[in-house]
Each structure stands twice: as C-alpha cells, then as structure tokens.
Amino acid sequence: MTGITLAITGASGSAYGLRLLEQLIMAQHTVSVLISTPARMVINMETDLTLPVDISAIQDLLIKRYHAAPKQLHVFGPEEWTAPIASGSAVSKAMVICPCSSGTLARIAHGLSRNLIERAADVILKEQRQLIIVHRETPLSVIHLENLLRLAKMGALILPANPGFYHQPRQLSEIVDFIVARILDHLDINHTLHTPWGSEE
C-alpha cells in the first residue's frame, strides 16, 4: 500500500488542491498526483502557476515548487493505465479529489472510469480505502445530491469546499487553509493551518 493520491479536477477552487499538495509534501508523505486537462486550464486561470502540457514537465515543476524529496511526488497522465494506483494490488491508503467537479463525481458514483482519476477512485472504493470528495458546486441539483449520497453510502467522505468564518479570516489564503485543514484532519495528518474550535480558551 502506497501513500496518498491527490486528484485535481476542473472545478473552480484549484487553490485548495495545490495548498493540500504543499502540506502533504511538508508532512513527508509520498503523493501520486493526477491533474485533469480541464484542471490544468483552471489552475492557469485561477493561480499564479502556469502548468505545461507535458506530464513530466508538470512533475518537474511541482517537485521544484514544493521542494519534494526524490520519488516523493509522482504525476501520472490521465490515460496512464499502467500506473500503480490503477490496481488494487498497489492501492493508496487514501485518495482526495480536491476540487471535485460534478462530472467526475457522477462518473465515479456510477463506476464509469474513463480516465485514471476515475479508475483510481474506483479502486479506492472497491478496496475499502479512504476516499475524500471535496465537491465545489453551487447550487446543487437533485442529480448532484443523489450522486453525493450514492458515494457517501459507499463509504466516501463528502467534504464540500464550504469554509467556516468563526476564525475571522482576513485574507483569501486563510479561507483556503480552513478547508485544507479539515482534509488533513480526516487524513490524520498534523498541521498548524488553524486553531481547532474551542482551543483558544
């Protein structure tokens, strides 16, 4: 069983996924990274990061940006079916889809694996490992709600990108960190992104 799989899809909110990747690397976890083609375009629009098309170039860029150790971070292409995470014999201990688009959500919920992100999630579910879905869509249609319920019944954790404001954030990064901290909590990874509720006392 390998480390953690992080998938970033084409929903808005790519900053959540990138910040989570940074935290996973800082916590010295091995990370398999999957970035869909729409996600690459969204990252280029929403952040100061411009991802190249070539997968190996993306990997080199992320390793350098987040100071990953050798072999700590590996980026797989969307149709790289020979990737270890495509098989139950080398399944990650957890997978986070952050952010998760409604299209990706629907295909995973119905077992329609047309790319490596969906196949890896399917493997996580069948092997009964931890799958965290960070859905970012509003408002939610009945279709979205039914797909979320379907995955929740399969054991996936539904963690919508709905930040709290009781910590009185003063900048956008603090709002992003709120969601990333909740993901890290469920992965049982220590962090210092924000103070837990009630601990100020």
N, C-alpha and C. Protein backbone atom coordinates (compact mmCIF):
# COMPACT_ATOMS: atom_id res chain seq x y z
N MET A 1 0.85 -1.19 0.00
CA MET A 1 0.00 0.00 0.00
C MET A 1 0.89 1.24 0.00
N THR A 2 0.64 2.15 -0.94
CA THR A 2 1.48 3.33 -1.10
C THR A 2 0.90 4.51 -0.34
N GLY A 3 1.37 5.71 -0.66
CA GLY A 3 1.00 6.91 0.09
C GLY A 3 -0.40 7.43 -0.20
N ILE A 4 -0.48 8.69 -0.61
CA ILE A 4 -1.76 9.35 -0.81
C ILE A 4 -1.89 9.78 -2.26
N THR A 5 -3.07 9.59 -2.82
CA THR A 5 -3.35 10.05 -4.18
C THR A 5 -4.13 11.34 -4.10
N LEU A 6 -3.68 12.36 -4.81
CA LEU A 6 -4.37 13.63 -4.88
C LEU A 6 -4.77 13.89 -6.33
N ALA A 7 -6.07 14.02 -6.55
CA ALA A 7 -6.58 14.35 -7.88
C ALA A 7 -7.15 15.76 -7.87
N ILE A 8 -6.81 16.53 -8.87
CA ILE A 8 -7.34 17.88 -9.05
C ILE A 8 -8.11 17.89 -10.36
N THR A 9 -9.41 18.18 -10.28
CA THR A 9 -10.24 18.18 -11.49
C THR A 9 -10.60 19.62 -11.87
N GLY A 10 -11.45 19.75 -12.88
CA GLY A 10 -11.69 21.05 -13.49
C GLY A 10 -12.67 21.97 -12.79
N ALA A 11 -13.08 21.65 -11.57
CA ALA A 11 -13.94 22.57 -10.83
C ALA A 11 -13.13 23.77 -10.38
N SER A 12 -13.80 24.89 -10.17
CA SER A 12 -13.12 26.05 -9.59
C SER A 12 -12.68 25.71 -8.17
N GLY A 13 -11.57 26.31 -7.75
CA GLY A 13 -11.05 26.03 -6.42
C GLY A 13 -9.75 25.27 -6.45
N SER A 14 -8.97 25.44 -7.52
CA SER A 14 -7.70 24.73 -7.64
C SER A 14 -6.73 25.08 -6.52
N ALA A 15 -6.90 26.25 -5.92
CA ALA A 15 -6.02 26.65 -4.81
C ALA A 15 -6.10 25.67 -3.65
N TYR A 16 -7.27 25.06 -3.44
CA TYR A 16 -7.41 24.06 -2.39
C TYR A 16 -6.48 22.88 -2.65
N GLY A 17 -6.53 22.36 -3.88
CA GLY A 17 -5.72 21.20 -4.22
C GLY A 17 -4.23 21.47 -4.15
N LEU A 18 -3.82 22.63 -4.62
CA LEU A 18 -2.39 22.97 -4.61
C LEU A 18 -1.87 23.18 -3.20
N ARG A 19 -2.68 23.82 -2.37
CA ARG A 19 -2.28 24.01 -0.97
C ARG A 19 -2.21 22.67 -0.23
N LEU A 20 -3.15 21.78 -0.54
CA LEU A 20 -3.13 20.45 0.06
C LEU A 20 -1.87 19.70 -0.37
N LEU A 21 -1.52 19.79 -1.63
CA LEU A 21 -0.29 19.14 -2.12
C LEU A 21 0.92 19.65 -1.36
N GLU A 22 1.00 20.96 -1.17
CA GLU A 22 2.12 21.54 -0.43
C GLU A 22 2.20 20.98 0.99
N GLN A 23 1.04 20.87 1.65
CA GLN A 23 1.01 20.37 3.02
C GLN A 23 1.37 18.88 3.10
N LEU A 24 0.94 18.10 2.14
CA LEU A 24 1.27 16.68 2.12
C LEU A 24 2.77 16.47 1.93
N ILE A 25 3.37 17.28 1.08
CA ILE A 25 4.82 17.20 0.86
C ILE A 25 5.56 17.62 2.13
N MET A 26 5.10 18.70 2.77
CA MET A 26 5.73 19.17 4.00
C MET A 26 5.63 18.13 5.12
N ALA A 27 4.53 17.36 5.10
CA ALA A 27 4.35 16.31 6.11
C ALA A 27 5.08 15.03 5.74
N GLN A 28 5.85 15.07 4.66
CA GLN A 28 6.73 13.98 4.22
C GLN A 28 5.96 12.75 3.75
N HIS A 29 4.79 12.97 3.15
CA HIS A 29 4.04 11.88 2.56
C HIS A 29 4.41 11.73 1.09
N THR A 30 4.35 10.51 0.60
CA THR A 30 4.51 10.25 -0.82
C THR A 30 3.16 10.52 -1.50
N VAL A 31 3.18 11.30 -2.59
CA VAL A 31 1.94 11.72 -3.21
C VAL A 31 1.93 11.36 -4.70
N SER A 32 0.86 10.67 -5.11
CA SER A 32 0.59 10.46 -6.53
C SER A 32 -0.37 11.55 -6.96
N VAL A 33 0.00 12.33 -7.96
CA VAL A 33 -0.79 13.49 -8.37
C VAL A 33 -1.43 13.24 -9.73
N LEU A 34 -2.72 13.53 -9.80
CA LEU A 34 -3.48 13.41 -11.04
C LEU A 34 -4.14 14.75 -11.32
N ILE A 35 -3.86 15.32 -12.47
CA ILE A 35 -4.43 16.63 -12.84
C ILE A 35 -5.12 16.47 -14.19
N SER A 36 -6.43 16.67 -14.20
CA SER A 36 -7.17 16.53 -15.46
C SER A 36 -6.84 17.69 -16.39
N THR A 37 -7.14 17.53 -17.67
CA THR A 37 -6.90 18.59 -18.64
C THR A 37 -7.68 19.86 -18.29
N PRO A 38 -8.98 19.74 -17.94
CA PRO A 38 -9.69 20.96 -17.50
C PRO A 38 -9.07 21.58 -16.25
N ALA A 39 -8.57 20.75 -15.34
CA ALA A 39 -7.94 21.28 -14.12
C ALA A 39 -6.70 22.09 -14.45
N ARG A 40 -5.93 21.62 -15.41
CA ARG A 40 -4.73 22.36 -15.81
C ARG A 40 -5.11 23.75 -16.32
N MET A 41 -6.20 23.83 -17.09
CA MET A 41 -6.65 25.13 -17.60
C MET A 41 -7.16 26.02 -16.46
N VAL A 42 -7.88 25.42 -15.50
CA VAL A 42 -8.39 26.19 -14.37
C VAL A 42 -7.25 26.71 -13.51
N ILE A 43 -6.25 25.87 -13.26
CA ILE A 43 -5.07 26.29 -12.49
C ILE A 43 -4.41 27.49 -13.16
N ASN A 44 -4.28 27.42 -14.47
CA ASN A 44 -3.66 28.51 -15.21
C ASN A 44 -4.47 29.80 -15.10
N MET A 45 -5.80 29.68 -14.97
CA MET A 45 -6.67 30.86 -14.87
C MET A 45 -6.73 31.40 -13.44
N GLU A 46 -6.75 30.52 -12.45
CA GLU A 46 -7.05 30.92 -11.08
C GLU A 46 -5.83 31.21 -10.22
N THR A 47 -4.67 30.76 -10.62
CA THR A 47 -3.48 30.90 -9.76
C THR A 47 -2.32 31.54 -10.53
N ASP A 48 -1.23 31.74 -9.82
CA ASP A 48 -0.03 32.28 -10.45
C ASP A 48 0.82 31.19 -11.08
N LEU A 49 0.29 29.98 -11.09
CA LEU A 49 1.02 28.82 -11.61
C LEU A 49 0.56 28.52 -13.03
N THR A 50 1.49 28.38 -13.94
CA THR A 50 1.18 28.00 -15.32
C THR A 50 1.75 26.61 -15.57
N LEU A 51 0.85 25.64 -15.72
CA LEU A 51 1.29 24.26 -15.92
C LEU A 51 1.51 23.97 -17.39
N PRO A 52 2.61 23.32 -17.72
CA PRO A 52 2.84 22.91 -19.10
C PRO A 52 1.93 21.74 -19.47
N VAL A 53 1.92 21.36 -20.72
CA VAL A 53 1.09 20.25 -21.18
C VAL A 53 1.75 18.91 -20.86
N ASP A 54 3.06 18.85 -21.00
CA ASP A 54 3.79 17.60 -20.81
C ASP A 54 3.77 17.16 -19.34
N ILE A 55 3.43 15.88 -19.10
CA ILE A 55 3.28 15.36 -17.74
C ILE A 55 4.60 15.40 -16.98
N SER A 56 5.68 15.01 -17.61
CA SER A 56 6.98 15.00 -16.92
C SER A 56 7.41 16.42 -16.58
N ALA A 57 7.04 17.39 -17.43
CA ALA A 57 7.37 18.79 -17.15
C ALA A 57 6.55 19.31 -15.97
N ILE A 58 5.28 18.87 -15.88
CA ILE A 58 4.45 19.23 -14.72
C ILE A 58 5.07 18.67 -13.45
N GLN A 59 5.51 17.42 -13.52
CA GLN A 59 6.11 16.79 -12.35
C GLN A 59 7.36 17.55 -11.90
N ASP A 60 8.23 17.89 -12.84
CA ASP A 60 9.45 18.62 -12.51
C ASP A 60 9.12 19.98 -11.88
N LEU A 61 8.11 20.64 -12.42
CA LEU A 61 7.72 21.95 -11.91
C LEU A 61 7.20 21.86 -10.47
N LEU A 62 6.34 20.86 -10.20
CA LEU A 62 5.76 20.71 -8.86
C LEU A 62 6.80 20.27 -7.84
N ILE A 63 7.71 19.40 -8.25
CA ILE A 63 8.79 18.97 -7.35
C ILE A 63 9.62 20.17 -6.93
N LYS A 64 9.95 21.01 -7.88
CA LYS A 64 10.77 22.20 -7.59
C LYS A 64 9.98 23.21 -6.75
N ARG A 65 8.71 23.42 -7.11
CA ARG A 65 7.89 24.42 -6.41
C ARG A 65 7.67 24.06 -4.94
N TYR A 66 7.45 22.76 -4.67
CA TYR A 66 7.12 22.34 -3.31
C TYR A 66 8.27 21.63 -2.60
N HIS A 67 9.45 21.66 -3.21
CA HIS A 67 10.67 21.14 -2.58
C HIS A 67 10.48 19.67 -2.17
N ALA A 68 9.93 18.89 -3.06
CA ALA A 68 9.71 17.47 -2.77
C ALA A 68 11.02 16.70 -2.83
N ALA A 69 11.11 15.70 -1.99
CA ALA A 69 12.28 14.82 -1.99
C ALA A 69 12.22 13.90 -3.21
N PRO A 70 13.34 13.28 -3.58
CA PRO A 70 13.33 12.35 -4.70
C PRO A 70 12.29 11.24 -4.50
N LYS A 71 11.49 11.00 -5.50
CA LYS A 71 10.47 9.96 -5.53
C LYS A 71 9.30 10.23 -4.57
N GLN A 72 9.24 11.43 -4.01
CA GLN A 72 8.14 11.75 -3.09
C GLN A 72 6.88 12.16 -3.83
N LEU A 73 7.04 12.72 -5.01
CA LEU A 73 5.91 13.22 -5.79
C LEU A 73 5.98 12.65 -7.20
N HIS A 74 4.88 12.05 -7.63
CA HIS A 74 4.84 11.49 -8.99
C HIS A 74 3.54 11.91 -9.65
N VAL A 75 3.65 12.53 -10.82
CA VAL A 75 2.47 12.95 -11.58
C VAL A 75 2.20 11.90 -12.66
N PHE A 76 0.95 11.45 -12.72
CA PHE A 76 0.53 10.48 -13.74
C PHE A 76 -0.40 11.13 -14.75
N GLY A 77 -0.31 10.69 -15.98
CA GLY A 77 -1.18 11.20 -17.03
C GLY A 77 -2.58 10.63 -16.93
N PRO A 78 -3.58 11.28 -17.55
CA PRO A 78 -4.97 10.85 -17.43
C PRO A 78 -5.26 9.48 -18.03
N GLU A 79 -4.42 9.01 -18.94
CA GLU A 79 -4.63 7.70 -19.55
C GLU A 79 -3.46 6.75 -19.28
N GLU A 80 -2.77 6.98 -18.18
CA GLU A 80 -1.62 6.14 -17.82
C GLU A 80 -2.13 4.93 -17.04
N TRP A 81 -2.72 3.99 -17.76
CA TRP A 81 -3.42 2.86 -17.13
C TRP A 81 -2.49 1.89 -16.43
N THR A 82 -1.19 1.98 -16.70
CA THR A 82 -0.23 1.10 -16.02
C THR A 82 0.27 1.70 -14.70
N ALA A 83 -0.24 2.85 -14.32
CA ALA A 83 0.15 3.46 -13.04
C ALA A 83 -0.23 2.54 -11.89
N PRO A 84 0.59 2.45 -10.85
CA PRO A 84 0.28 1.56 -9.72
C PRO A 84 -1.10 1.81 -9.11
N ILE A 85 -1.52 3.07 -9.05
CA ILE A 85 -2.80 3.40 -8.41
C ILE A 85 -4.01 2.91 -9.20
N ALA A 86 -3.78 2.36 -10.40
CA ALA A 86 -4.89 1.81 -11.19
C ALA A 86 -5.21 0.38 -10.77
N SER A 87 -4.42 -0.16 -9.84
CA SER A 87 -4.60 -1.55 -9.43
C SER A 87 -4.79 -1.67 -7.92
N GLY A 88 -5.64 -2.58 -7.52
CA GLY A 88 -5.86 -2.83 -6.11
C GLY A 88 -4.65 -3.41 -5.40
N SER A 89 -3.70 -3.96 -6.16
CA SER A 89 -2.51 -4.54 -5.54
C SER A 89 -1.52 -3.48 -5.07
N ALA A 90 -1.72 -2.22 -5.51
CA ALA A 90 -0.83 -1.14 -5.09
C ALA A 90 -1.63 0.09 -4.71
N VAL A 91 -2.79 -0.14 -4.12
CA VAL A 91 -3.70 0.95 -3.82
C VAL A 91 -3.12 1.91 -2.78
N SER A 92 -3.41 3.21 -2.94
CA SER A 92 -3.01 4.19 -1.94
C SER A 92 -3.81 3.98 -0.67
N LYS A 93 -3.30 4.47 0.44
CA LYS A 93 -4.06 4.36 1.70
C LYS A 93 -5.23 5.33 1.72
N ALA A 94 -5.15 6.39 0.90
CA ALA A 94 -6.23 7.36 0.83
C ALA A 94 -6.15 8.09 -0.50
N MET A 95 -7.30 8.60 -0.94
CA MET A 95 -7.36 9.43 -2.15
C MET A 95 -8.24 10.64 -1.85
N VAL A 96 -7.76 11.80 -2.27
CA VAL A 96 -8.52 13.04 -2.12
C VAL A 96 -8.73 13.62 -3.51
N ILE A 97 -9.97 13.95 -3.84
CA ILE A 97 -10.26 14.63 -5.10
C ILE A 97 -10.63 16.06 -4.72
N CYS A 98 -9.73 17.00 -5.03
CA CYS A 98 -9.83 18.36 -4.49
C CYS A 98 -9.31 19.39 -5.49
N PRO A 99 -10.21 20.16 -6.11
CA PRO A 99 -11.66 20.06 -6.02
C PRO A 99 -12.18 18.96 -6.93
N CYS A 100 -13.41 18.55 -6.68
CA CYS A 100 -14.04 17.51 -7.48
C CYS A 100 -15.17 18.12 -8.30
N SER A 101 -15.08 18.00 -9.60
CA SER A 101 -16.13 18.51 -10.48
C SER A 101 -17.35 17.61 -10.42
N SER A 102 -18.49 18.12 -10.83
CA SER A 102 -19.72 17.33 -10.81
C SER A 102 -19.68 16.21 -11.83
N GLY A 103 -18.97 16.43 -12.95
CA GLY A 103 -18.83 15.36 -13.94
C GLY A 103 -18.02 14.20 -13.41
N THR A 104 -16.89 14.51 -12.75
CA THR A 104 -16.08 13.46 -12.12
C THR A 104 -16.87 12.74 -11.04
N LEU A 105 -17.59 13.50 -10.25
CA LEU A 105 -18.44 12.94 -9.20
C LEU A 105 -19.42 11.93 -9.78
N ALA A 106 -20.09 12.30 -10.86
CA ALA A 106 -21.11 11.43 -11.47
C ALA A 106 -20.50 10.15 -12.00
N ARG A 107 -19.37 10.26 -12.67
CA ARG A 107 -18.76 9.05 -13.25
C ARG A 107 -18.24 8.10 -12.18
N ILE A 108 -17.68 8.64 -11.11
CA ILE A 108 -17.22 7.77 -10.02
C ILE A 108 -18.41 7.10 -9.35
N ALA A 109 -19.47 7.87 -9.12
CA ALA A 109 -20.65 7.33 -8.45
C ALA A 109 -21.29 6.19 -9.22
N HIS A 110 -21.11 6.18 -10.53
CA HIS A 110 -21.74 5.15 -11.36
C HIS A 110 -20.74 4.17 -11.97
N GLY A 111 -19.49 4.21 -11.49
CA GLY A 111 -18.49 3.23 -11.93
C GLY A 111 -18.07 3.37 -13.37
N LEU A 112 -18.11 4.59 -13.91
CA LEU A 112 -17.75 4.83 -15.31
C LEU A 112 -16.35 5.43 -15.37
N SER A 113 -15.35 4.58 -15.41
CA SER A 113 -13.95 5.03 -15.34
C SER A 113 -13.40 5.28 -16.73
N ARG A 114 -13.41 6.54 -17.14
CA ARG A 114 -12.90 6.86 -18.48
C ARG A 114 -11.49 7.45 -18.43
N ASN A 115 -10.97 7.72 -17.22
CA ASN A 115 -9.59 8.20 -17.09
C ASN A 115 -9.01 7.68 -15.78
N LEU A 116 -7.74 8.00 -15.54
CA LEU A 116 -7.05 7.44 -14.37
C LEU A 116 -7.60 7.97 -13.05
N ILE A 117 -8.08 9.21 -13.04
CA ILE A 117 -8.68 9.74 -11.82
C ILE A 117 -9.85 8.88 -11.39
N GLU A 118 -10.75 8.62 -12.32
CA GLU A 118 -11.95 7.83 -12.01
C GLU A 118 -11.61 6.38 -11.71
N ARG A 119 -10.63 5.83 -12.42
CA ARG A 119 -10.20 4.45 -12.15
C ARG A 119 -9.58 4.35 -10.76
N ALA A 120 -8.72 5.30 -10.40
CA ALA A 120 -8.08 5.27 -9.08
C ALA A 120 -9.13 5.37 -7.98
N ALA A 121 -10.14 6.20 -8.17
CA ALA A 121 -11.22 6.32 -7.18
C ALA A 121 -12.01 5.03 -7.08
N ASP A 122 -12.25 4.40 -8.21
CA ASP A 122 -12.96 3.13 -8.24
C ASP A 122 -12.19 2.07 -7.46
N VAL A 123 -10.86 2.06 -7.63
CA VAL A 123 -10.01 1.11 -6.90
C VAL A 123 -10.07 1.38 -5.39
N ILE A 124 -9.99 2.65 -5.02
CA ILE A 124 -10.07 3.03 -3.59
C ILE A 124 -11.37 2.51 -2.98
N LEU A 125 -12.47 2.67 -3.70
CA LEU A 125 -13.77 2.24 -3.20
C LEU A 125 -13.84 0.72 -3.07
N LYS A 126 -13.39 0.01 -4.10
CA LYS A 126 -13.51 -1.45 -4.06
C LYS A 126 -12.58 -2.08 -3.03
N GLU A 127 -11.46 -1.38 -2.75
CA GLU A 127 -10.53 -1.87 -1.74
C GLU A 127 -10.85 -1.34 -0.34
N GLN A 128 -11.92 -0.56 -0.26
CA GLN A 128 -12.42 0.00 1.01
C GLN A 128 -11.36 0.84 1.73
N ARG A 129 -10.68 1.67 0.94
CA ARG A 129 -9.76 2.66 1.50
C ARG A 129 -10.49 3.99 1.64
N GLN A 130 -9.79 5.00 2.09
CA GLN A 130 -10.41 6.30 2.36
C GLN A 130 -10.46 7.16 1.09
N LEU A 131 -11.68 7.56 0.73
CA LEU A 131 -11.88 8.46 -0.40
C LEU A 131 -12.55 9.74 0.10
N ILE A 132 -11.90 10.87 -0.12
CA ILE A 132 -12.43 12.17 0.30
C ILE A 132 -12.79 12.97 -0.94
N ILE A 133 -14.05 13.36 -1.03
CA ILE A 133 -14.56 14.13 -2.17
C ILE A 133 -14.75 15.57 -1.74
N VAL A 134 -13.97 16.48 -2.30
CA VAL A 134 -14.12 17.91 -1.99
C VAL A 134 -14.89 18.55 -3.16
N HIS A 135 -16.19 18.39 -3.10
CA HIS A 135 -17.05 18.88 -4.18
C HIS A 135 -17.19 20.39 -4.08
N ARG A 136 -17.13 21.06 -5.24
CA ARG A 136 -17.25 22.51 -5.24
C ARG A 136 -18.23 22.93 -6.33
N GLU A 137 -19.49 22.95 -5.98
CA GLU A 137 -20.55 23.32 -6.91
C GLU A 137 -21.66 23.98 -6.12
N THR A 138 -22.25 25.00 -6.68
CA THR A 138 -23.40 25.63 -6.03
C THR A 138 -24.22 26.39 -7.06
N PRO A 139 -25.54 26.28 -7.00
CA PRO A 139 -26.32 25.41 -6.12
C PRO A 139 -26.23 23.96 -6.58
N LEU A 140 -26.75 23.06 -5.75
CA LEU A 140 -26.71 21.64 -6.06
C LEU A 140 -28.04 21.20 -6.64
N SER A 141 -27.97 20.49 -7.77
CA SER A 141 -29.19 19.92 -8.34
C SER A 141 -29.49 18.59 -7.66
N VAL A 142 -30.65 18.03 -7.94
CA VAL A 142 -31.01 16.72 -7.41
C VAL A 142 -30.00 15.67 -7.89
N ILE A 143 -29.53 15.82 -9.11
CA ILE A 143 -28.53 14.87 -9.65
C ILE A 143 -27.26 14.91 -8.80
N HIS A 144 -26.78 16.12 -8.50
CA HIS A 144 -25.57 16.24 -7.66
C HIS A 144 -25.80 15.61 -6.29
N LEU A 145 -26.93 15.93 -5.68
CA LEU A 145 -27.23 15.42 -4.34
C LEU A 145 -27.33 13.90 -4.33
N GLU A 146 -27.95 13.33 -5.36
CA GLU A 146 -28.09 11.87 -5.42
C GLU A 146 -26.73 11.21 -5.62
N ASN A 147 -25.87 11.83 -6.42
CA ASN A 147 -24.53 11.26 -6.63
C ASN A 147 -23.68 11.36 -5.36
N LEU A 148 -23.80 12.46 -4.64
CA LEU A 148 -23.08 12.60 -3.37
C LEU A 148 -23.57 11.57 -2.36
N LEU A 149 -24.88 11.38 -2.30
CA LEU A 149 -25.45 10.40 -1.37
C LEU A 149 -25.00 8.99 -1.75
N ARG A 150 -24.99 8.72 -3.03
CA ARG A 150 -24.58 7.40 -3.52
C ARG A 150 -23.14 7.08 -3.07
N LEU A 151 -22.25 8.05 -3.20
CA LEU A 151 -20.86 7.83 -2.80
C LEU A 151 -20.72 7.78 -1.29
N ALA A 152 -21.49 8.59 -0.58
CA ALA A 152 -21.45 8.53 0.89
C ALA A 152 -21.87 7.16 1.38
N LYS A 153 -22.86 6.56 0.74
CA LYS A 153 -23.31 5.23 1.12
C LYS A 153 -22.25 4.17 0.83
N MET A 154 -21.35 4.46 -0.11
CA MET A 154 -20.26 3.54 -0.43
C MET A 154 -19.08 3.71 0.53
N GLY A 155 -19.15 4.72 1.39
CA GLY A 155 -18.08 4.93 2.36
C GLY A 155 -17.20 6.13 2.10
N ALA A 156 -17.46 6.87 1.01
CA ALA A 156 -16.66 8.07 0.73
C ALA A 156 -17.03 9.17 1.72
N LEU A 157 -16.06 10.00 2.05
CA LEU A 157 -16.31 11.16 2.90
C LEU A 157 -16.57 12.35 2.00
N ILE A 158 -17.72 12.97 2.18
CA ILE A 158 -18.08 14.14 1.38
C ILE A 158 -17.70 15.38 2.18
N LEU A 159 -16.73 16.14 1.69
CA LEU A 159 -16.22 17.31 2.39
C LEU A 159 -16.31 18.50 1.43
N PRO A 160 -17.49 19.13 1.34
CA PRO A 160 -17.64 20.25 0.41
C PRO A 160 -16.71 21.41 0.75
N ALA A 161 -16.35 22.17 -0.26
CA ALA A 161 -15.46 23.32 -0.04
C ALA A 161 -16.26 24.49 0.51
N ASN A 162 -16.78 24.31 1.73
CA ASN A 162 -17.58 25.34 2.41
C ASN A 162 -16.83 25.80 3.65
N PRO A 163 -16.02 26.85 3.56
CA PRO A 163 -15.21 27.27 4.71
C PRO A 163 -16.04 27.89 5.82
N GLY A 164 -15.55 27.77 7.04
CA GLY A 164 -16.14 28.45 8.18
C GLY A 164 -15.51 29.83 8.34
N PHE A 165 -16.15 30.69 9.13
CA PHE A 165 -15.63 32.04 9.30
C PHE A 165 -15.50 32.43 10.76
N TYR A 166 -15.64 31.45 11.67
CA TYR A 166 -15.53 31.78 13.09
C TYR A 166 -14.12 32.16 13.49
N HIS A 167 -13.12 31.82 12.66
CA HIS A 167 -11.75 32.21 12.96
C HIS A 167 -11.42 33.59 12.37
N GLN A 168 -12.43 34.26 11.81
CA GLN A 168 -12.31 35.63 11.30
C GLN A 168 -11.14 35.79 10.31
N PRO A 169 -11.23 35.09 9.18
CA PRO A 169 -10.15 35.19 8.19
C PRO A 169 -10.03 36.61 7.64
N ARG A 170 -8.80 37.04 7.42
CA ARG A 170 -8.55 38.38 6.91
C ARG A 170 -8.03 38.35 5.48
N GLN A 171 -7.69 37.17 4.99
CA GLN A 171 -7.22 37.07 3.62
C GLN A 171 -7.64 35.74 3.02
N LEU A 172 -7.59 35.68 1.69
CA LEU A 172 -8.08 34.51 0.97
C LEU A 172 -7.35 33.24 1.39
N SER A 173 -6.06 33.32 1.64
CA SER A 173 -5.28 32.14 1.99
C SER A 173 -5.80 31.47 3.26
N GLU A 174 -6.34 32.26 4.19
CA GLU A 174 -6.87 31.69 5.42
C GLU A 174 -8.16 30.91 5.17
N ILE A 175 -8.93 31.35 4.19
CA ILE A 175 -10.15 30.64 3.81
C ILE A 175 -9.79 29.30 3.16
N VAL A 176 -8.79 29.33 2.29
CA VAL A 176 -8.30 28.09 1.66
C VAL A 176 -7.78 27.14 2.73
N ASP A 177 -7.01 27.67 3.67
CA ASP A 177 -6.41 26.83 4.71
C ASP A 177 -7.46 26.16 5.59
N PHE A 178 -8.61 26.80 5.76
CA PHE A 178 -9.67 26.20 6.57
C PHE A 178 -10.09 24.85 5.99
N ILE A 179 -10.33 24.82 4.69
CA ILE A 179 -10.75 23.58 4.03
C ILE A 179 -9.61 22.56 4.02
N VAL A 180 -8.42 23.00 3.69
CA VAL A 180 -7.27 22.09 3.65
C VAL A 180 -7.02 21.48 5.03
N ALA A 181 -7.19 22.28 6.06
CA ALA A 181 -7.01 21.77 7.44
C ALA A 181 -8.02 20.66 7.74
N ARG A 182 -9.26 20.81 7.29
CA ARG A 182 -10.28 19.79 7.54
C ARG A 182 -9.92 18.50 6.81
N ILE A 183 -9.38 18.63 5.60
CA ILE A 183 -8.95 17.44 4.86
C ILE A 183 -7.82 16.74 5.61
N LEU A 184 -6.83 17.52 6.05
CA LEU A 184 -5.70 16.95 6.78
C LEU A 184 -6.16 16.28 8.08
N ASP A 185 -7.15 16.88 8.73
CA ASP A 185 -7.70 16.27 9.95
C ASP A 185 -8.21 14.86 9.66
N HIS A 186 -8.94 14.71 8.57
CA HIS A 186 -9.53 13.41 8.23
C HIS A 186 -8.48 12.42 7.72
N LEU A 187 -7.36 12.94 7.24
CA LEU A 187 -6.26 12.06 6.85
C LEU A 187 -5.37 11.73 8.05
N ASP A 188 -5.69 12.31 9.21
CA ASP A 188 -4.93 12.13 10.44
C ASP A 188 -3.48 12.61 10.27
N ILE A 189 -3.37 13.80 9.65
CA ILE A 189 -2.06 14.42 9.43
C ILE A 189 -2.00 15.70 10.25
N ASN A 190 -0.98 15.81 11.08
CA ASN A 190 -0.82 17.01 11.91
C ASN A 190 -0.52 18.23 11.05
N HIS A 191 -1.02 19.38 11.49
CA HIS A 191 -0.81 20.63 10.76
C HIS A 191 -0.94 21.80 11.73
N THR A 192 -0.59 22.98 11.25
CA THR A 192 -0.72 24.20 12.04
C THR A 192 -1.46 25.27 11.24
N LEU A 193 -2.38 24.86 10.38
CA LEU A 193 -3.04 25.81 9.48
C LEU A 193 -4.05 26.68 10.21
N HIS A 194 -4.71 26.13 11.23
CA HIS A 194 -5.59 26.97 12.03
C HIS A 194 -5.81 26.31 13.38
N THR A 195 -6.32 27.08 14.31
CA THR A 195 -6.55 26.60 15.66
C THR A 195 -7.91 25.89 15.74
N PRO A 196 -7.97 24.67 16.27
CA PRO A 196 -9.25 23.96 16.37
C PRO A 196 -10.26 24.72 17.22
N TRP A 197 -11.52 24.48 16.93
CA TRP A 197 -12.62 25.13 17.64
C TRP A 197 -12.50 24.91 19.15
N GLY A 198 -12.61 25.99 19.92
CA GLY A 198 -12.62 25.90 21.37
C GLY A 198 -11.23 25.93 22.01
N SER A 199 -10.18 25.72 21.24
CA SER A 199 -8.85 25.63 21.83
C SER A 199 -8.29 27.01 22.18
N GLU A 200 -8.94 28.09 21.67
CA GLU A 200 -8.47 29.43 22.02
C GLU A 200 -8.60 29.69 23.51
N GLU A 201 -9.57 29.01 24.15
CA GLU A 201 -9.80 29.20 25.58
C GLU A 201 -8.63 28.66 26.39
